Amino acid sequence: MFNLSLLQFKIVDISRKNHSKLEEKIESELISGSITNCIKNIDDNIDRLIDKITEMQNEVNSLGSTLSVLENAINSIAAAIEKLTN
């Protein structure tokens, strides 16, 4: 009877250790996934801001210059490069 109790105790102990390791792994994966999603959302928002800034700069350029088409093209290219490097 004593051996059976000892065996049951060891099984419970091993089960707790495995459960603890599993919880740590799940928590780590959750944090890692959350950080990845957060970074992607930040990157998407920065891209949207760059697009809006470019759009507004192009509007300003077209109001006051005869070379506005060229300025707008340069501005759009610069914005595309900025979005690729952020």
PDB file of N, CA and C in Angstrom:
ATOM      1  N   MET A   1       0.822  -1.197   0.000  1.00  0.00           N
ATOM      2  CA  MET A   1       0.000   0.000   0.000  1.00  0.00           C
ATOM      3  C   MET A   1       0.860   1.253   0.000  1.00  0.00           C
ATOM      4  N   PHE A   2       1.939   1.231   0.774  1.00  0.00           N
ATOM      5  CA  PHE A   2       2.834   2.385   0.852  1.00  0.00           C
ATOM      6  C   PHE A   2       3.448   2.690  -0.515  1.00  0.00           C
ATOM      7  N   ASN A   3       3.845   1.646  -1.255  1.00  0.00           N
ATOM      8  CA  ASN A   3       4.445   1.840  -2.568  1.00  0.00           C
ATOM      9  C   ASN A   3       3.460   2.461  -3.547  1.00  0.00           C
ATOM     10  N   LEU A   4       2.221   2.083  -3.457  1.00  0.00           N
ATOM     11  CA  LEU A   4       1.197   2.645  -4.323  1.00  0.00           C
ATOM     12  C   LEU A   4       1.019   4.131  -4.045  1.00  0.00           C
ATOM     13  N   SER A   5       1.008   4.526  -2.791  1.00  0.00           N
ATOM     14  CA  SER A   5       0.873   5.942  -2.432  1.00  0.00           C
ATOM     15  C   SER A   5       2.066   6.743  -2.928  1.00  0.00           C
ATOM     16  N   LEU A   6       3.247   6.181  -2.787  1.00  0.00           N
ATOM     17  CA  LEU A   6       4.456   6.851  -3.247  1.00  0.00           C
ATOM     18  C   LEU A   6       4.417   7.021  -4.761  1.00  0.00           C
ATOM     19  N   LEU A   7       3.971   5.998  -5.463  1.00  0.00           N
ATOM     20  CA  LEU A   7       3.851   6.056  -6.914  1.00  0.00           C
ATOM     21  C   LEU A   7       2.835   7.119  -7.326  1.00  0.00           C
ATOM     22  N   GLN A   8       1.702   7.164  -6.653  1.00  0.00           N
ATOM     23  CA  GLN A   8       0.692   8.174  -6.951  1.00  0.00           C
ATOM     24  C   GLN A   8       1.237   9.581  -6.717  1.00  0.00           C
ATOM     25  N   PHE A   9       1.995   9.750  -5.639  1.00  0.00           N
ATOM     26  CA  PHE A   9       2.585  11.050  -5.329  1.00  0.00           C
ATOM     27  C   PHE A   9       3.547  11.479  -6.437  1.00  0.00           C
ATOM     28  N   LYS A  10       4.385  10.546  -6.912  1.00  0.00           N
ATOM     29  CA  LYS A  10       5.342  10.856  -7.975  1.00  0.00           C
ATOM     30  C   LYS A  10       4.611  11.213  -9.269  1.00  0.00           C
ATOM     31  N   ILE A  11       3.554  10.491  -9.590  1.00  0.00           N
ATOM     32  CA  ILE A  11       2.779  10.782 -10.798  1.00  0.00           C
ATOM     33  C   ILE A  11       2.179  12.183 -10.715  1.00  0.00           C
ATOM     34  N   VAL A  12       1.615  12.524  -9.580  1.00  0.00           N
ATOM     35  CA  VAL A  12       1.034  13.863  -9.397  1.00  0.00           C
ATOM     36  C   VAL A  12       2.116  14.925  -9.517  1.00  0.00           C
ATOM     37  N   ASP A  13       3.283  14.670  -8.917  1.00  0.00           N
ATOM     38  CA  ASP A  13       4.393  15.620  -8.959  1.00  0.00           C
ATOM     39  C   ASP A  13       4.868  15.836 -10.399  1.00  0.00           C
ATOM     40  N   ILE A  14       5.036  14.757 -11.151  1.00  0.00           N
ATOM     41  CA  ILE A  14       5.452  14.855 -12.558  1.00  0.00           C
ATOM     42  C   ILE A  14       4.402  15.603 -13.368  1.00  0.00           C
ATOM     43  N   SER A  15       3.144  15.302 -13.115  1.00  0.00           N
ATOM     44  CA  SER A  15       2.055  15.971 -13.819  1.00  0.00           C
ATOM     45  C   SER A  15       2.073  17.477 -13.558  1.00  0.00           C
ATOM     46  N   ARG A  16       2.299  17.887 -12.322  1.00  0.00           N
ATOM     47  CA  ARG A  16       2.361  19.316 -11.983  1.00  0.00           C
ATOM     48  C   ARG A  16       3.523  19.999 -12.695  1.00  0.00           C
ATOM     49  N   LYS A  17       4.678  19.338 -12.720  1.00  0.00           N
ATOM     50  CA  LYS A  17       5.848  19.917 -13.391  1.00  0.00           C
ATOM     51  C   LYS A  17       5.588  20.092 -14.882  1.00  0.00           C
ATOM     52  N   ASN A  18       4.999  19.079 -15.512  1.00  0.00           N
ATOM     53  CA  ASN A  18       4.692  19.173 -16.940  1.00  0.00           C
ATOM     54  C   ASN A  18       3.676  20.273 -17.206  1.00  0.00           C
ATOM     55  N   HIS A  19       2.675  20.379 -16.348  1.00  0.00           N
ATOM     56  CA  HIS A  19       1.662  21.419 -16.502  1.00  0.00           C
ATOM     57  C   HIS A  19       2.292  22.804 -16.380  1.00  0.00           C
ATOM     58  N   SER A  20       3.195  22.963 -15.433  1.00  0.00           N
ATOM     59  CA  SER A  20       3.878  24.235 -15.229  1.00  0.00           C
ATOM     60  C   SER A  20       4.708  24.611 -16.455  1.00  0.00           C
ATOM     61  N   LYS A  21       5.432  23.632 -17.009  1.00  0.00           N
ATOM     62  CA  LYS A  21       6.230  23.889 -18.211  1.00  0.00           C
ATOM     63  C   LYS A  21       5.331  24.268 -19.380  1.00  0.00           C
ATOM     64  N   LEU A  22       4.194  23.589 -19.508  1.00  0.00           N
ATOM     65  CA  LEU A  22       3.252  23.887 -20.580  1.00  0.00           C
ATOM     66  C   LEU A  22       2.693  25.296 -20.432  1.00  0.00           C
ATOM     67  N   GLU A  23       2.341  25.693 -19.208  1.00  0.00           N
ATOM     68  CA  GLU A  23       1.834  27.044 -18.974  1.00  0.00           C
ATOM     69  C   GLU A  23       2.874  28.094 -19.344  1.00  0.00           C
ATOM     70  N   GLU A  24       4.144  27.868 -18.982  1.00  0.00           N
ATOM     71  CA  GLU A  24       5.210  28.806 -19.320  1.00  0.00           C
ATOM     72  C   GLU A  24       5.363  28.928 -20.831  1.00  0.00           C
ATOM     73  N   LYS A  25       5.291  27.812 -21.537  1.00  0.00           N
ATOM     74  CA  LYS A  25       5.426  27.821 -22.993  1.00  0.00           C
ATOM     75  C   LYS A  25       4.264  28.576 -23.628  1.00  0.00           C
ATOM     76  N   ILE A  26       3.050  28.309 -23.191  1.00  0.00           N
ATOM     77  CA  ILE A  26       1.875  28.985 -23.732  1.00  0.00           C
ATOM     78  C   ILE A  26       1.963  30.483 -23.475  1.00  0.00           C
ATOM     79  N   GLU A  27       2.367  30.879 -22.270  1.00  0.00           N
ATOM     80  CA  GLU A  27       2.501  32.297 -21.929  1.00  0.00           C
ATOM     81  C   GLU A  27       3.554  32.961 -22.812  1.00  0.00           C
ATOM     82  N   SER A  28       4.667  32.296 -23.014  1.00  0.00           N
ATOM     83  CA  SER A  28       5.741  32.829 -23.852  1.00  0.00           C
ATOM     84  C   SER A  28       5.266  33.016 -25.289  1.00  0.00           C
ATOM     85  N   GLU A  29       4.562  32.018 -25.828  1.00  0.00           N
ATOM     86  CA  GLU A  29       4.043  32.112 -27.193  1.00  0.00           C
ATOM     87  C   GLU A  29       2.999  33.215 -27.311  1.00  0.00           C
ATOM     88  N   LEU A  30       2.173  33.381 -26.299  1.00  0.00           N
ATOM     89  CA  LEU A  30       1.155  34.426 -26.305  1.00  0.00           C
ATOM     90  C   LEU A  30       1.799  35.800 -26.322  1.00  0.00           C
ATOM     91  N   ILE A  31       2.802  36.005 -25.480  1.00  0.00           N
ATOM     92  CA  ILE A  31       3.499  37.293 -25.431  1.00  0.00           C
ATOM     93  C   ILE A  31       4.196  37.552 -26.755  1.00  0.00           C
ATOM     94  N   SER A  32       4.876  36.554 -27.286  1.00  0.00           N
ATOM     95  CA  SER A  32       5.587  36.701 -28.555  1.00  0.00           C
ATOM     96  C   SER A  32       4.616  37.050 -29.678  1.00  0.00           C
ATOM     97  N   GLY A  33       3.493  36.352 -29.739  1.00  0.00           N
ATOM     98  CA  GLY A  33       2.486  36.636 -30.759  1.00  0.00           C
ATOM     99  C   GLY A  33       1.891  38.016 -30.604  1.00  0.00           C
ATOM    100  N   SER A  34       1.656  38.437 -29.372  1.00  0.00           N
ATOM    101  CA  SER A  34       1.096  39.763 -29.124  1.00  0.00           C
ATOM    102  C   SER A  34       2.060  40.850 -29.560  1.00  0.00           C
ATOM    103  N   ILE A  35       3.347  40.652 -29.271  1.00  0.00           N
ATOM    104  CA  ILE A  35       4.349  41.639 -29.671  1.00  0.00           C
ATOM    105  C   ILE A  35       4.431  41.711 -31.191  1.00  0.00           C
ATOM    106  N   THR A  36       4.412  40.574 -31.846  1.00  0.00           N
ATOM    107  CA  THR A  36       4.466  40.548 -33.309  1.00  0.00           C
ATOM    108  C   THR A  36       3.269  41.277 -33.903  1.00  0.00           C
ATOM    109  N   ASN A  37       2.080  41.020 -33.378  1.00  0.00           N
ATOM    110  CA  ASN A  37       0.876  41.706 -33.863  1.00  0.00           C
ATOM    111  C   ASN A  37       0.951  43.198 -33.610  1.00  0.00           C
ATOM    112  N   CYS A  38       1.445  43.586 -32.453  1.00  0.00           N
ATOM    113  CA  CYS A  38       1.569  45.000 -32.114  1.00  0.00           C
ATOM    114  C   CYS A  38       2.515  45.702 -33.086  1.00  0.00           C
ATOM    115  N   ILE A  39       3.656  45.083 -33.363  1.00  0.00           N
ATOM    116  CA  ILE A  39       4.623  45.669 -34.295  1.00  0.00           C
ATOM    117  C   ILE A  39       4.010  45.793 -35.684  1.00  0.00           C
ATOM    118  N   LYS A  40       3.275  44.772 -36.122  1.00  0.00           N
ATOM    119  CA  LYS A  40       2.630  44.834 -37.436  1.00  0.00           C
ATOM    120  C   LYS A  40       1.605  45.958 -37.485  1.00  0.00           C
ATOM    121  N   ASN A  41       0.813  46.111 -36.421  1.00  0.00           N
ATOM    122  CA  ASN A  41      -0.179  47.188 -36.379  1.00  0.00           C
ATOM    123  C   ASN A  41       0.486  48.556 -36.399  1.00  0.00           C
ATOM    124  N   ILE A  42       1.575  48.705 -35.657  1.00  0.00           N
ATOM    125  CA  ILE A  42       2.307  49.978 -35.662  1.00  0.00           C
ATOM    126  C   ILE A  42       2.832  50.263 -37.061  1.00  0.00           C
ATOM    127  N   ASP A  43       3.412  49.256 -37.708  1.00  0.00           N
ATOM    128  CA  ASP A  43       3.943  49.430 -39.059  1.00  0.00           C
ATOM    129  C   ASP A  43       2.837  49.824 -40.032  1.00  0.00           C
ATOM    130  N   ASP A  44       1.684  49.170 -39.938  1.00  0.00           N
ATOM    131  CA  ASP A  44       0.547  49.516 -40.808  1.00  0.00           C
ATOM    132  C   ASP A  44       0.097  50.953 -40.580  1.00  0.00           C
ATOM    133  N   ASN A  45       0.046  51.379 -39.318  1.00  0.00           N
ATOM    134  CA  ASN A  45      -0.367  52.750 -39.014  1.00  0.00           C
ATOM    135  C   ASN A  45       0.644  53.768 -39.521  1.00  0.00           C
ATOM    136  N   ILE A  46       1.928  53.462 -39.396  1.00  0.00           N
ATOM    137  CA  ILE A  46       2.957  54.366 -39.921  1.00  0.00           C
ATOM    138  C   ILE A  46       2.813  54.485 -41.433  1.00  0.00           C
ATOM    139  N   ASP A  47       2.579  53.373 -42.114  1.00  0.00           N
ATOM    140  CA  ASP A  47       2.379  53.416 -43.566  1.00  0.00           C
ATOM    141  C   ASP A  47       1.184  54.294 -43.932  1.00  0.00           C
ATOM    142  N   ARG A  48       0.089  54.184 -43.185  1.00  0.00           N
ATOM    143  CA  ARG A  48      -1.086  55.027 -43.451  1.00  0.00           C
ATOM    144  C   ARG A  48      -0.771  56.505 -43.230  1.00  0.00           C
ATOM    145  N   LEU A  49      -0.023  56.790 -42.162  1.00  0.00           N
ATOM    146  CA  LEU A  49       0.366  58.180 -41.899  1.00  0.00           C
ATOM    147  C   LEU A  49       1.243  58.730 -43.018  1.00  0.00           C
ATOM    148  N   ILE A  50       2.193  57.936 -43.474  1.00  0.00           N
ATOM    149  CA  ILE A  50       3.057  58.369 -44.577  1.00  0.00           C
ATOM    150  C   ILE A  50       2.224  58.643 -45.820  1.00  0.00           C
ATOM    151  N   ASP A  51       1.261  57.765 -46.115  1.00  0.00           N
ATOM    152  CA  ASP A  51       0.380  57.981 -47.270  1.00  0.00           C
ATOM    153  C   ASP A  51      -0.394  59.290 -47.141  1.00  0.00           C
ATOM    154  N   LYS A  52      -0.934  59.548 -45.955  1.00  0.00           N
ATOM    155  CA  LYS A  52      -1.722  60.771 -45.746  1.00  0.00           C
ATOM    156  C   LYS A  52      -0.837  62.015 -45.850  1.00  0.00           C
ATOM    157  N   ILE A  53       0.352  61.964 -45.254  1.00  0.00           N
ATOM    158  CA  ILE A  53       1.282  63.101 -45.342  1.00  0.00           C
ATOM    159  C   ILE A  53       1.647  63.361 -46.796  1.00  0.00           C
ATOM    160  N   THR A  54       1.927  62.305 -47.541  1.00  0.00           N
ATOM    161  CA  THR A  54       2.270  62.449 -48.960  1.00  0.00           C
ATOM    162  C   THR A  54       1.113  63.064 -49.733  1.00  0.00           C
ATOM    163  N   GLU A  55      -0.088  62.584 -49.463  1.00  0.00           N
ATOM    164  CA  GLU A  55      -1.278  63.121 -50.132  1.00  0.00           C
ATOM    165  C   GLU A  55      -1.428  64.613 -49.857  1.00  0.00           C
ATOM    166  N   MET A  56      -1.255  65.000 -48.603  1.00  0.00           N
ATOM    167  CA  MET A  56      -1.409  66.415 -48.239  1.00  0.00           C
ATOM    168  C   MET A  56      -0.279  67.268 -48.824  1.00  0.00           C
ATOM    169  N   GLN A  57       0.953  66.749 -48.840  1.00  0.00           N
ATOM    170  CA  GLN A  57       2.056  67.488 -49.453  1.00  0.00           C
ATOM    171  C   GLN A  57       1.822  67.657 -50.946  1.00  0.00           C
ATOM    172  N   ASN A  58       1.300  66.642 -51.589  1.00  0.00           N
ATOM    173  CA  ASN A  58       1.003  66.738 -53.016  1.00  0.00           C
ATOM    174  C   ASN A  58      -0.075  67.783 -53.288  1.00  0.00           C
ATOM    175  N   GLU A  59      -1.060  67.879 -52.408  1.00  0.00           N
ATOM    176  CA  GLU A  59      -2.085  68.919 -52.558  1.00  0.00           C
ATOM    177  C   GLU A  59      -1.467  70.310 -52.453  1.00  0.00           C
ATOM    178  N   VAL A  60      -0.605  70.505 -51.464  1.00  0.00           N
ATOM    179  CA  VAL A  60       0.064  71.800 -51.287  1.00  0.00           C
ATOM    180  C   VAL A  60       0.930  72.106 -52.501  1.00  0.00           C
ATOM    181  N   ASN A  61       1.686  71.115 -52.973  1.00  0.00           N
ATOM    182  CA  ASN A  61       2.544  71.327 -54.138  1.00  0.00           C
ATOM    183  C   ASN A  61       1.743  71.757 -55.356  1.00  0.00           C
ATOM    184  N   SER A  62       0.592  71.150 -55.554  1.00  0.00           N
ATOM    185  CA  SER A  62      -0.190  71.446 -56.754  1.00  0.00           C
ATOM    186  C   SER A  62      -0.846  72.821 -56.702  1.00  0.00           C
ATOM    187  N   LEU A  63      -0.898  73.436 -55.536  1.00  0.00           N
ATOM    188  CA  LEU A  63      -1.498  74.766 -55.422  1.00  0.00           C
ATOM    189  C   LEU A  63      -0.559  75.884 -55.868  1.00  0.00           C
ATOM    190  N   GLY A  64       0.755  75.686 -55.730  1.00  0.00           N
ATOM    191  CA  GLY A  64       1.610  76.838 -55.922  1.00  0.00           C
ATOM    192  C   GLY A  64       2.744  76.719 -56.892  1.00  0.00           C
ATOM    193  N   SER A  65       2.804  75.713 -57.734  1.00  0.00           N
ATOM    194  CA  SER A  65       3.991  75.572 -58.559  1.00  0.00           C
ATOM    195  C   SER A  65       3.646  75.039 -59.938  1.00  0.00           C
ATOM    196  N   THR A  66       4.409  75.518 -60.910  1.00  0.00           N
ATOM    197  CA  THR A  66       4.225  74.990 -62.266  1.00  0.00           C
ATOM    198  C   THR A  66       4.882  73.623 -62.423  1.00  0.00           C
ATOM    199  N   LEU A  67       5.785  73.295 -61.515  1.00  0.00           N
ATOM    200  CA  LEU A  67       6.449  71.995 -61.550  1.00  0.00           C
ATOM    201  C   LEU A  67       5.803  71.008 -60.571  1.00  0.00           C
ATOM    202  N   SER A  68       4.546  71.237 -60.251  1.00  0.00           N
ATOM    203  CA  SER A  68       3.882  70.433 -59.226  1.00  0.00           C
ATOM    204  C   SER A  68       3.815  68.951 -59.582  1.00  0.00           C
ATOM    205  N   VAL A  69       3.654  68.620 -60.849  1.00  0.00           N
ATOM    206  CA  VAL A  69       3.575  67.211 -61.248  1.00  0.00           C
ATOM    207  C   VAL A  69       4.882  66.502 -60.903  1.00  0.00           C
ATOM    208  N   LEU A  70       6.013  67.149 -61.200  1.00  0.00           N
ATOM    209  CA  LEU A  70       7.312  66.571 -60.888  1.00  0.00           C
ATOM    210  C   LEU A  70       7.528  66.497 -59.382  1.00  0.00           C
ATOM    211  N   GLU A  71       7.167  67.560 -58.663  1.00  0.00           N
ATOM    212  CA  GLU A  71       7.302  67.565 -57.202  1.00  0.00           C
ATOM    213  C   GLU A  71       6.466  66.454 -56.573  1.00  0.00           C
ATOM    214  N   ASN A  72       5.255  66.282 -57.066  1.00  0.00           N
ATOM    215  CA  ASN A  72       4.382  65.234 -56.530  1.00  0.00           C
ATOM    216  C   ASN A  72       4.953  63.840 -56.801  1.00  0.00           C
ATOM    217  N   ALA A  73       5.515  63.636 -57.987  1.00  0.00           N
ATOM    218  CA  ALA A  73       6.109  62.339 -58.314  1.00  0.00           C
ATOM    219  C   ALA A  73       7.297  62.050 -57.400  1.00  0.00           C
ATOM    220  N   ILE A  74       8.159  63.048 -57.201  1.00  0.00           N
ATOM    221  CA  ILE A  74       9.314  62.884 -56.313  1.00  0.00           C
ATOM    222  C   ILE A  74       8.844  62.607 -54.890  1.00  0.00           C
ATOM    223  N   ASN A  75       7.847  63.341 -54.445  1.00  0.00           N
ATOM    224  CA  ASN A  75       7.301  63.166 -53.099  1.00  0.00           C
ATOM    225  C   ASN A  75       6.727  61.760 -52.917  1.00  0.00           C
ATOM    226  N   SER A  76       6.015  61.271 -53.906  1.00  0.00           N
ATOM    227  CA  SER A  76       5.429  59.927 -53.827  1.00  0.00           C
ATOM    228  C   SER A  76       6.508  58.848 -53.811  1.00  0.00           C
ATOM    229  N   ILE A  77       7.554  59.031 -54.604  1.00  0.00           N
ATOM    230  CA  ILE A  77       8.662  58.068 -54.615  1.00  0.00           C
ATOM    231  C   ILE A  77       9.367  58.061 -53.263  1.00  0.00           C
ATOM    232  N   ALA A  78       9.610  59.248 -52.708  1.00  0.00           N
ATOM    233  CA  ALA A  78      10.264  59.336 -51.396  1.00  0.00           C
ATOM    234  C   ALA A  78       9.420  58.648 -50.325  1.00  0.00           C
ATOM    235  N   ALA A  79       8.109  58.823 -50.387  1.00  0.00           N
ATOM    236  CA  ALA A  79       7.219  58.184 -49.410  1.00  0.00           C
ATOM    237  C   ALA A  79       7.250  56.666 -49.557  1.00  0.00           C
ATOM    238  N   ALA A  80       7.269  56.176 -50.789  1.00  0.00           N
ATOM    239  CA  ALA A  80       7.318  54.724 -51.014  1.00  0.00           C
ATOM    240  C   ALA A  80       8.612  54.136 -50.455  1.00  0.00           C
ATOM    241  N   ILE A  81       9.716  54.844 -50.650  1.00  0.00           N
ATOM    242  CA  ILE A  81      11.000  54.380 -50.109  1.00  0.00           C
ATOM    243  C   ILE A  81      10.960  54.385 -48.584  1.00  0.00           C
ATOM    244  N   GLU A  82      10.387  55.436 -48.003  1.00  0.00           N
ATOM    245  CA  GLU A  82      10.292  55.515 -46.537  1.00  0.00           C
ATOM    246  C   GLU A  82       9.472  54.360 -45.978  1.00  0.00           C
ATOM    247  N   LYS A  83       8.376  54.017 -46.655  1.00  0.00           N
ATOM    248  CA  LYS A  83       7.536  52.914 -46.188  1.00  0.00           C
ATOM    249  C   LYS A  83       8.257  51.573 -46.284  1.00  0.00           C
ATOM    250  N   LEU A  84       9.109  51.418 -47.278  1.00  0.00           N
ATOM    251  CA  LEU A  84       9.859  50.167 -47.416  1.00  0.00           C
ATOM    252  C   LEU A  84      10.916  50.012 -46.338  1.00  0.00           C
ATOM    253  N   THR A  85      11.417  51.133 -45.833  1.00  0.00           N
ATOM    254  CA  THR A  85      12.518  51.065 -44.871  1.00  0.00           C
ATOM    255  C   THR A  85      12.072  51.163 -43.425  1.00  0.00           C
ATOM    256  N   ASN A  86      10.787  51.343 -43.147  1.00  0.00           N
ATOM    257  CA  ASN A  86      10.390  51.428 -41.731  1.00  0.00           C
ATOM    258  C   ASN A  86      10.072  50.071 -41.174  1.00  0.00           C
TER     259      ASN A  86
END
